N, C-alpha and C. Protein backbone atom coordinates (compact mmCIF):
# COMPACT_ATOMS: atom_id res chain seq x y z
N MET A 1 171.90 15.04 11.10
CA MET A 1 171.93 14.22 12.30
C MET A 1 172.26 15.12 13.48
N ASP A 2 171.57 14.89 14.57
CA ASP A 2 171.82 15.67 15.78
C ASP A 2 172.64 14.85 16.77
N PRO A 3 173.21 15.49 17.79
CA PRO A 3 174.04 14.77 18.75
C PRO A 3 173.32 13.65 19.49
N GLU A 4 172.02 13.82 19.75
CA GLU A 4 171.27 12.77 20.46
C GLU A 4 171.17 11.51 19.61
N THR A 5 170.93 11.69 18.32
CA THR A 5 170.84 10.53 17.42
C THR A 5 172.19 9.87 17.26
N LEU A 6 173.23 10.68 17.17
CA LEU A 6 174.59 10.13 17.10
C LEU A 6 174.87 9.27 18.34
N ALA A 7 174.54 9.79 19.51
CA ALA A 7 174.78 9.04 20.75
C ALA A 7 173.96 7.76 20.79
N TYR A 8 172.71 7.83 20.36
CA TYR A 8 171.84 6.65 20.37
C TYR A 8 172.41 5.58 19.44
N ALA A 9 172.78 5.97 18.22
CA ALA A 9 173.36 5.02 17.27
C ALA A 9 174.68 4.46 17.82
N GLY A 10 175.49 5.33 18.41
CA GLY A 10 176.76 4.89 18.97
C GLY A 10 176.58 3.86 20.07
N LYS A 11 175.62 4.08 20.94
CA LYS A 11 175.37 3.14 22.03
C LYS A 11 174.82 1.82 21.51
N LEU A 12 173.96 1.88 20.48
CA LEU A 12 173.46 0.63 19.89
C LEU A 12 174.58 -0.20 19.29
N LEU A 13 175.47 0.46 18.60
CA LEU A 13 176.55 -0.25 17.92
C LEU A 13 177.70 -0.64 18.85
N LEU A 14 178.02 0.22 19.81
CA LEU A 14 179.30 0.08 20.51
C LEU A 14 179.20 0.06 22.03
N GLY A 15 178.01 0.27 22.58
CA GLY A 15 177.87 0.25 24.03
C GLY A 15 178.02 1.63 24.64
N PRO A 16 178.00 1.69 25.97
CA PRO A 16 177.97 2.98 26.65
C PRO A 16 179.22 3.84 26.47
N GLU A 17 180.35 3.24 26.25
CA GLU A 17 181.60 3.98 26.01
C GLU A 17 181.85 4.00 24.51
N TRP A 18 181.01 4.67 23.76
CA TRP A 18 180.97 4.56 22.31
C TRP A 18 181.84 5.55 21.55
N GLN A 19 182.24 6.65 22.15
CA GLN A 19 182.86 7.73 21.37
C GLN A 19 184.21 7.35 20.78
N ARG A 20 185.11 6.84 21.57
CA ARG A 20 186.43 6.46 21.05
C ARG A 20 186.32 5.30 20.05
N PRO A 21 185.54 4.24 20.38
CA PRO A 21 185.37 3.18 19.38
C PRO A 21 184.72 3.67 18.08
N MET A 22 183.84 4.67 18.18
CA MET A 22 183.22 5.19 16.96
C MET A 22 184.26 5.87 16.08
N ALA A 23 185.21 6.55 16.69
CA ALA A 23 186.27 7.18 15.91
C ALA A 23 187.02 6.12 15.10
N ARG A 24 187.28 4.96 15.72
CA ARG A 24 187.96 3.88 15.00
C ARG A 24 187.03 3.26 13.95
N LEU A 25 185.77 3.11 14.28
CA LEU A 25 184.80 2.52 13.37
C LEU A 25 184.61 3.36 12.11
N LEU A 26 184.58 4.67 12.27
CA LEU A 26 184.34 5.56 11.14
C LEU A 26 185.58 5.82 10.29
N GLY A 27 186.76 5.64 10.85
CA GLY A 27 187.99 5.93 10.13
C GLY A 27 188.06 5.33 8.74
N PRO A 28 187.83 4.03 8.59
CA PRO A 28 187.92 3.43 7.27
C PRO A 28 186.87 3.92 6.27
N HIS A 29 185.85 4.61 6.75
CA HIS A 29 184.77 5.08 5.88
C HIS A 29 184.87 6.56 5.54
N HIS A 30 185.94 7.21 5.96
CA HIS A 30 186.07 8.66 5.74
C HIS A 30 186.05 8.96 4.23
N PRO A 31 185.25 9.94 3.82
CA PRO A 31 185.12 10.21 2.38
C PRO A 31 186.41 10.71 1.72
N ALA A 32 187.33 11.26 2.48
CA ALA A 32 188.59 11.73 1.91
C ALA A 32 189.63 10.62 1.84
N GLY A 33 189.25 9.44 2.27
CA GLY A 33 190.17 8.30 2.23
C GLY A 33 190.19 7.56 3.54
N ALA A 34 190.30 6.27 3.44
CA ALA A 34 190.31 5.42 4.63
C ALA A 34 191.49 5.75 5.52
N ARG A 35 191.26 5.67 6.80
CA ARG A 35 192.30 5.84 7.81
C ARG A 35 192.00 4.90 8.97
N ASP A 36 192.97 4.67 9.80
CA ASP A 36 192.77 3.77 10.93
C ASP A 36 191.69 4.27 11.87
N SER A 37 191.66 5.58 12.08
CA SER A 37 190.73 6.16 13.03
C SER A 37 190.57 7.66 12.75
N LEU A 38 189.45 8.18 13.16
CA LEU A 38 189.30 9.63 13.23
C LEU A 38 189.90 10.08 14.55
N ASP A 39 190.10 11.34 14.71
CA ASP A 39 190.52 11.89 16.00
C ASP A 39 189.33 11.72 16.95
N PRO A 40 189.50 11.01 18.05
CA PRO A 40 188.39 10.82 18.99
C PRO A 40 187.79 12.14 19.50
N ARG A 41 188.62 13.19 19.54
CA ARG A 41 188.10 14.48 19.99
C ARG A 41 187.06 15.03 19.01
N LEU A 42 187.19 14.68 17.73
CA LEU A 42 186.20 15.11 16.76
C LEU A 42 184.84 14.50 17.06
N VAL A 43 184.82 13.22 17.36
CA VAL A 43 183.56 12.56 17.73
C VAL A 43 183.00 13.19 19.00
N GLN A 44 183.85 13.50 19.95
CA GLN A 44 183.39 14.16 21.18
C GLN A 44 182.78 15.52 20.88
N ARG A 45 183.37 16.25 19.95
CA ARG A 45 182.82 17.56 19.57
C ARG A 45 181.48 17.42 18.87
N TRP A 46 181.33 16.39 18.03
CA TRP A 46 180.03 16.12 17.41
C TRP A 46 179.00 15.82 18.49
N ALA A 47 179.38 14.99 19.44
CA ALA A 47 178.46 14.56 20.49
C ALA A 47 178.03 15.71 21.39
N SER A 48 178.91 16.67 21.58
CA SER A 48 178.58 17.81 22.45
C SER A 48 177.83 18.89 21.70
N GLY A 49 177.76 18.79 20.37
CA GLY A 49 177.13 19.83 19.57
C GLY A 49 178.09 20.97 19.21
N GLU A 50 179.34 20.83 19.63
CA GLU A 50 180.33 21.87 19.35
C GLU A 50 180.65 21.96 17.85
N ARG A 51 180.60 20.82 17.16
CA ARG A 51 180.85 20.78 15.72
C ARG A 51 179.68 20.09 15.04
N PRO A 52 179.31 20.52 13.84
CA PRO A 52 178.24 19.82 13.11
C PRO A 52 178.71 18.43 12.68
N ILE A 53 177.76 17.52 12.62
CA ILE A 53 178.05 16.15 12.22
C ILE A 53 177.91 16.06 10.70
N PRO A 54 178.96 15.66 10.00
CA PRO A 54 178.88 15.58 8.54
C PRO A 54 177.84 14.54 8.10
N ALA A 55 177.23 14.79 6.95
CA ALA A 55 176.18 13.91 6.43
C ALA A 55 176.70 12.49 6.19
N TRP A 56 177.96 12.35 5.83
CA TRP A 56 178.48 11.00 5.55
C TRP A 56 178.44 10.11 6.78
N VAL A 57 178.50 10.71 7.97
CA VAL A 57 178.48 9.92 9.20
C VAL A 57 177.14 9.21 9.35
N ALA A 58 176.04 9.92 9.09
CA ALA A 58 174.71 9.31 9.20
C ALA A 58 174.58 8.16 8.20
N HIS A 59 175.07 8.36 6.99
CA HIS A 59 174.99 7.32 5.97
C HIS A 59 175.75 6.06 6.40
N VAL A 60 176.96 6.25 6.90
CA VAL A 60 177.78 5.11 7.34
C VAL A 60 177.13 4.41 8.53
N LEU A 61 176.65 5.19 9.50
CA LEU A 61 176.03 4.58 10.67
C LEU A 61 174.77 3.80 10.30
N ALA A 62 173.99 4.34 9.37
CA ALA A 62 172.78 3.62 8.92
C ALA A 62 173.17 2.27 8.32
N HIS A 63 174.20 2.27 7.50
CA HIS A 63 174.66 1.03 6.89
C HIS A 63 175.14 0.04 7.97
N LEU A 64 175.92 0.51 8.92
CA LEU A 64 176.43 -0.35 9.98
C LEU A 64 175.31 -0.88 10.86
N LEU A 65 174.30 -0.06 11.13
CA LEU A 65 173.16 -0.52 11.91
C LEU A 65 172.35 -1.57 11.14
N ASP A 66 172.20 -1.38 9.83
CA ASP A 66 171.54 -2.41 9.02
C ASP A 66 172.29 -3.74 9.09
N ASP A 67 173.62 -3.67 8.98
CA ASP A 67 174.42 -4.88 9.07
C ASP A 67 174.25 -5.55 10.43
N ARG A 68 174.26 -4.76 11.48
CA ARG A 68 174.09 -5.32 12.83
C ARG A 68 172.71 -5.95 12.99
N ALA A 69 171.68 -5.31 12.44
CA ALA A 69 170.33 -5.86 12.52
C ALA A 69 170.25 -7.20 11.78
N ASP A 70 170.93 -7.30 10.64
CA ASP A 70 170.96 -8.57 9.90
C ASP A 70 171.59 -9.68 10.75
N VAL A 71 172.67 -9.36 11.42
CA VAL A 71 173.34 -10.34 12.28
C VAL A 71 172.39 -10.75 13.41
N TYR A 72 171.73 -9.79 14.05
CA TYR A 72 170.80 -10.12 15.13
C TYR A 72 169.64 -10.98 14.64
N ARG A 73 169.11 -10.67 13.44
CA ARG A 73 168.02 -11.49 12.90
C ARG A 73 168.48 -12.93 12.69
N MET A 74 169.69 -13.09 12.18
CA MET A 74 170.23 -14.43 11.97
C MET A 74 170.41 -15.15 13.31
N ARG A 75 170.90 -14.44 14.31
CA ARG A 75 171.09 -15.05 15.63
C ARG A 75 169.76 -15.44 16.26
N VAL A 76 168.74 -14.60 16.09
CA VAL A 76 167.40 -14.92 16.61
C VAL A 76 166.92 -16.22 15.97
N ARG A 77 167.06 -16.31 14.66
CA ARG A 77 166.62 -17.53 13.95
C ARG A 77 167.40 -18.74 14.44
N GLU A 78 168.69 -18.61 14.65
CA GLU A 78 169.50 -19.72 15.18
C GLU A 78 169.00 -20.15 16.56
N CYS A 79 168.64 -19.17 17.39
CA CYS A 79 168.11 -19.48 18.72
C CYS A 79 166.78 -20.23 18.61
N GLU A 80 165.92 -19.78 17.73
CA GLU A 80 164.63 -20.43 17.54
C GLU A 80 164.79 -21.87 17.05
N VAL A 81 165.67 -22.08 16.08
CA VAL A 81 165.89 -23.42 15.53
C VAL A 81 166.49 -24.33 16.60
N THR A 82 167.44 -23.83 17.36
CA THR A 82 168.07 -24.64 18.40
C THR A 82 167.07 -24.98 19.50
N ALA A 83 166.25 -24.03 19.89
CA ALA A 83 165.23 -24.29 20.91
C ALA A 83 164.26 -25.37 20.42
N GLU A 84 163.85 -25.29 19.17
CA GLU A 84 162.95 -26.30 18.62
C GLU A 84 163.62 -27.66 18.58
N TYR A 85 164.88 -27.69 18.19
CA TYR A 85 165.63 -28.94 18.17
C TYR A 85 165.68 -29.57 19.56
N LEU A 86 165.88 -28.76 20.57
CA LEU A 86 165.96 -29.28 21.94
C LEU A 86 164.62 -29.81 22.44
N ARG A 87 163.53 -29.37 21.85
CA ARG A 87 162.20 -29.84 22.26
C ARG A 87 161.85 -31.20 21.65
N ILE A 88 162.52 -31.62 20.60
CA ILE A 88 162.22 -32.87 19.91
C ILE A 88 162.78 -34.03 20.74
N PRO A 89 161.91 -34.97 21.10
CA PRO A 89 162.42 -36.12 21.87
C PRO A 89 163.43 -36.93 21.05
N ARG A 90 164.45 -37.37 21.67
CA ARG A 90 165.50 -38.16 21.03
C ARG A 90 165.31 -39.62 21.42
N LEU A 91 165.51 -40.53 20.48
CA LEU A 91 165.37 -41.95 20.77
C LEU A 91 166.31 -42.38 21.88
N ALA A 92 167.52 -41.88 21.87
CA ALA A 92 168.49 -42.27 22.90
C ALA A 92 168.10 -41.75 24.27
N GLU A 93 167.29 -40.71 24.34
CA GLU A 93 166.90 -40.14 25.63
C GLU A 93 165.60 -40.72 26.14
N MET A 94 164.87 -41.45 25.29
CA MET A 94 163.58 -42.00 25.70
C MET A 94 163.83 -43.23 26.57
N PRO A 95 163.07 -43.41 27.63
CA PRO A 95 163.27 -44.59 28.49
C PRO A 95 162.92 -45.87 27.73
N ARG A 96 163.75 -46.88 27.96
CA ARG A 96 163.48 -48.18 27.35
C ARG A 96 162.45 -48.91 28.18
N GLU A 97 161.82 -49.91 27.57
CA GLU A 97 160.76 -50.64 28.28
C GLU A 97 161.25 -51.26 29.56
N ASP A 98 162.50 -51.77 29.57
CA ASP A 98 163.02 -52.43 30.78
C ASP A 98 163.40 -51.43 31.87
N GLU A 99 163.40 -50.12 31.57
CA GLU A 99 163.73 -49.09 32.56
C GLU A 99 162.48 -48.49 33.18
N GLU A 100 161.33 -48.79 32.63
CA GLU A 100 160.11 -48.15 33.14
C GLU A 100 159.61 -48.80 34.39
């Protein structure tokens, strides 16, 4: 993984200020054992190209992006179903004969 891909994945998952939140996000997935957070400076060094990005980071980010995509797909479907529901005329909303 290169720094540009790391930044792109970070922005997709966490927004424009992604580096510090990514340190917290990756902490529980560290291969040497879960921790609350990585050192945010380590993520900054990966992003700058100063340090190589370990392979486990790409694997974890891919999994997290898949999870996020699943959530978005579900939300899209909920939006579609709700929009369709709103298009169906309701008996209570239809004008009665004496109101026409």
